[in-house]
């Protein structure tokens, strides 16, 4: 019932464009506007000073060492190569 009444009010306003709604819209638009924009950001979680392996935490999506699809024998860029 209430939705139908609101719908008929909107249809009447669009079809007839009466002076009362045009004037009200002209006066209230600078004050209220028609839309709301909210800018937000997701805060970064506090990081521990301990290494991730010590706390048991892992980065999401990072494979565990030795799991399928990883090369356990590959050297990392921050390690010195082994000399034979």
C-alpha atoms as a PDB file:
ATOM      1  CA  UNK A   1       0.000   0.000   0.000  1.00  0.00           C
ATOM      2  CA  UNK A   2       2.691   2.534   0.947  1.00  0.00           C
ATOM      3  CA  UNK A   3       4.909   1.556  -1.982  1.00  0.00           C
ATOM      4  CA  UNK A   4       2.031   1.947  -4.431  1.00  0.00           C
ATOM      5  CA  UNK A   5       1.226   5.363  -3.013  1.00  0.00           C
ATOM      6  CA  UNK A   6       4.864   6.466  -3.360  1.00  0.00           C
ATOM      7  CA  UNK A   7       4.983   5.063  -6.908  1.00  0.00           C
ATOM      8  CA  UNK A   8       1.847   6.963  -7.888  1.00  0.00           C
ATOM      9  CA  UNK A   9       3.350  10.152  -6.400  1.00  0.00           C
ATOM     10  CA  UNK A  10       6.500   9.676  -8.489  1.00  0.00           C
ATOM     11  CA  UNK A  11       4.541   8.950 -11.655  1.00  0.00           C
ATOM     12  CA  UNK A  12       2.356  12.019 -11.046  1.00  0.00           C
ATOM     13  CA  UNK A  13       5.451  14.181 -10.468  1.00  0.00           C
ATOM     14  CA  UNK A  14       7.150  12.942 -13.657  1.00  0.00           C
ATOM     15  CA  UNK A  15       4.043  13.134 -15.835  1.00  0.00           C
ATOM     16  CA  UNK A  16       2.618  16.457 -14.643  1.00  0.00           C
ATOM     17  CA  UNK A  17       5.761  18.264 -13.370  1.00  0.00           C
ATOM     18  CA  UNK A  18       3.760  20.508 -11.017  1.00  0.00           C
ATOM     19  CA  UNK A  19       5.171  23.832  -9.868  1.00  0.00           C
ATOM     20  CA  UNK A  20       5.267  22.771  -6.218  1.00  0.00           C
ATOM     21  CA  UNK A  21       7.652  19.858  -6.803  1.00  0.00           C
ATOM     22  CA  UNK A  22       9.819  21.769  -9.284  1.00  0.00           C
ATOM     23  CA  UNK A  23      10.209  24.649  -6.823  1.00  0.00           C
ATOM     24  CA  UNK A  24      10.864  22.315  -3.894  1.00  0.00           C
ATOM     25  CA  UNK A  25      13.490  20.445  -5.909  1.00  0.00           C
ATOM     26  CA  UNK A  26      15.168  23.700  -6.978  1.00  0.00           C
ATOM     27  CA  UNK A  27      15.386  24.930  -3.378  1.00  0.00           C
ATOM     28  CA  UNK A  28      16.455  21.652  -1.756  1.00  0.00           C
ATOM     29  CA  UNK A  29      18.917  20.369  -4.388  1.00  0.00           C
ATOM     30  CA  UNK A  30      21.851  22.538  -3.242  1.00  0.00           C
ATOM     31  CA  UNK A  31      21.213  21.526   0.365  1.00  0.00           C
ATOM     32  CA  UNK A  32      20.393  17.821   0.069  1.00  0.00           C
ATOM     33  CA  UNK A  33      21.475  16.741  -3.388  1.00  0.00           C
ATOM     34  CA  UNK A  34      20.342  13.511  -4.981  1.00  0.00           C
ATOM     35  CA  UNK A  35      23.201  11.161  -4.236  1.00  0.00           C
ATOM     36  CA  UNK A  36      25.752  10.384  -1.599  1.00  0.00           C
ATOM     37  CA  UNK A  37      29.349   9.420  -2.299  1.00  0.00           C
ATOM     38  CA  UNK A  38      31.380   7.746   0.429  1.00  0.00           C
ATOM     39  CA  UNK A  39      35.124   7.328   0.081  1.00  0.00           C
ATOM     40  CA  UNK A  40      36.665   4.753   2.354  1.00  0.00           C
ATOM     41  CA  UNK A  41      39.719   2.562   2.650  1.00  0.00           C
ATOM     42  CA  UNK A  42      40.311  -0.721   4.355  1.00  0.00           C
ATOM     43  CA  UNK A  43      42.830  -0.315   7.181  1.00  0.00           C
ATOM     44  CA  UNK A  44      45.953  -2.432   7.042  1.00  0.00           C
ATOM     45  CA  UNK A  45      46.143  -4.933   9.889  1.00  0.00           C
ATOM     46  CA  UNK A  46      48.889  -4.314  12.432  1.00  0.00           C
ATOM     47  CA  UNK A  47      51.938  -6.371  11.608  1.00  0.00           C
ATOM     48  CA  UNK A  48      53.927  -8.264  14.203  1.00  0.00           C
ATOM     49  CA  UNK A  49      57.654  -7.681  14.631  1.00  0.00           C
ATOM     50  CA  UNK A  50      58.153 -11.467  14.636  1.00  0.00           C
ATOM     51  CA  UNK A  51      58.684 -13.302  11.344  1.00  0.00           C
ATOM     52  CA  UNK A  52      55.560 -14.910   9.893  1.00  0.00           C
ATOM     53  CA  UNK A  53      56.897 -18.416  10.549  1.00  0.00           C
ATOM     54  CA  UNK A  54      57.389 -17.656  14.240  1.00  0.00           C
ATOM     55  CA  UNK A  55      53.794 -16.492  14.693  1.00  0.00           C
ATOM     56  CA  UNK A  56      52.367 -19.273  12.548  1.00  0.00           C
ATOM     57  CA  UNK A  57      50.833 -16.732  10.151  1.00  0.00           C
ATOM     58  CA  UNK A  58      51.200 -17.080   6.389  1.00  0.00           C
ATOM     59  CA  UNK A  59      50.400 -14.816   3.535  1.00  0.00           C
ATOM     60  CA  UNK A  60      47.180 -15.872   1.790  1.00  0.00           C
ATOM     61  CA  UNK A  61      47.906 -17.663  -1.440  1.00  0.00           C
ATOM     62  CA  UNK A  62      51.560 -18.239  -0.635  1.00  0.00           C
ATOM     63  CA  UNK A  63      52.477 -21.907  -1.077  1.00  0.00           C
ATOM     64  CA  UNK A  64      54.102 -23.740   1.790  1.00  0.00           C
ATOM     65  CA  UNK A  65      57.719 -24.760   1.228  1.00  0.00           C
ATOM     66  CA  UNK A  66      57.899 -28.229  -0.310  1.00  0.00           C
ATOM     67  CA  UNK A  67      54.221 -28.261  -1.330  1.00  0.00           C
ATOM     68  CA  UNK A  68      53.299 -29.405  -4.846  1.00  0.00           C
ATOM     69  CA  UNK A  69      53.972 -26.745  -7.431  1.00  0.00           C
ATOM     70  CA  UNK A  70      56.945 -25.262  -5.600  1.00  0.00           C
ATOM     71  CA  UNK A  71      60.596 -25.840  -6.308  1.00  0.00           C
ATOM     72  CA  UNK A  72      62.062 -26.640  -2.882  1.00  0.00           C
ATOM     73  CA  UNK A  73      65.613 -26.829  -4.252  1.00  0.00           C
ATOM     74  CA  UNK A  74      65.598 -23.464  -6.022  1.00  0.00           C
ATOM     75  CA  UNK A  75      67.821 -20.763  -4.589  1.00  0.00           C
ATOM     76  CA  UNK A  76      66.293 -17.495  -3.564  1.00  0.00           C
ATOM     77  CA  UNK A  77      67.572 -14.164  -4.790  1.00  0.00           C
ATOM     78  CA  UNK A  78      68.468 -13.003  -1.264  1.00  0.00           C
ATOM     79  CA  UNK A  79      70.643 -16.075  -0.585  1.00  0.00           C
ATOM     80  CA  UNK A  80      74.195 -16.533  -1.773  1.00  0.00           C
ATOM     81  CA  UNK A  81      74.657 -19.388  -4.244  1.00  0.00           C
ATOM     82  CA  UNK A  82      76.285 -22.519  -2.846  1.00  0.00           C
ATOM     83  CA  UNK A  83      79.864 -23.111  -3.953  1.00  0.00           C
ATOM     84  CA  UNK A  84      80.925 -26.643  -4.919  1.00  0.00           C
END
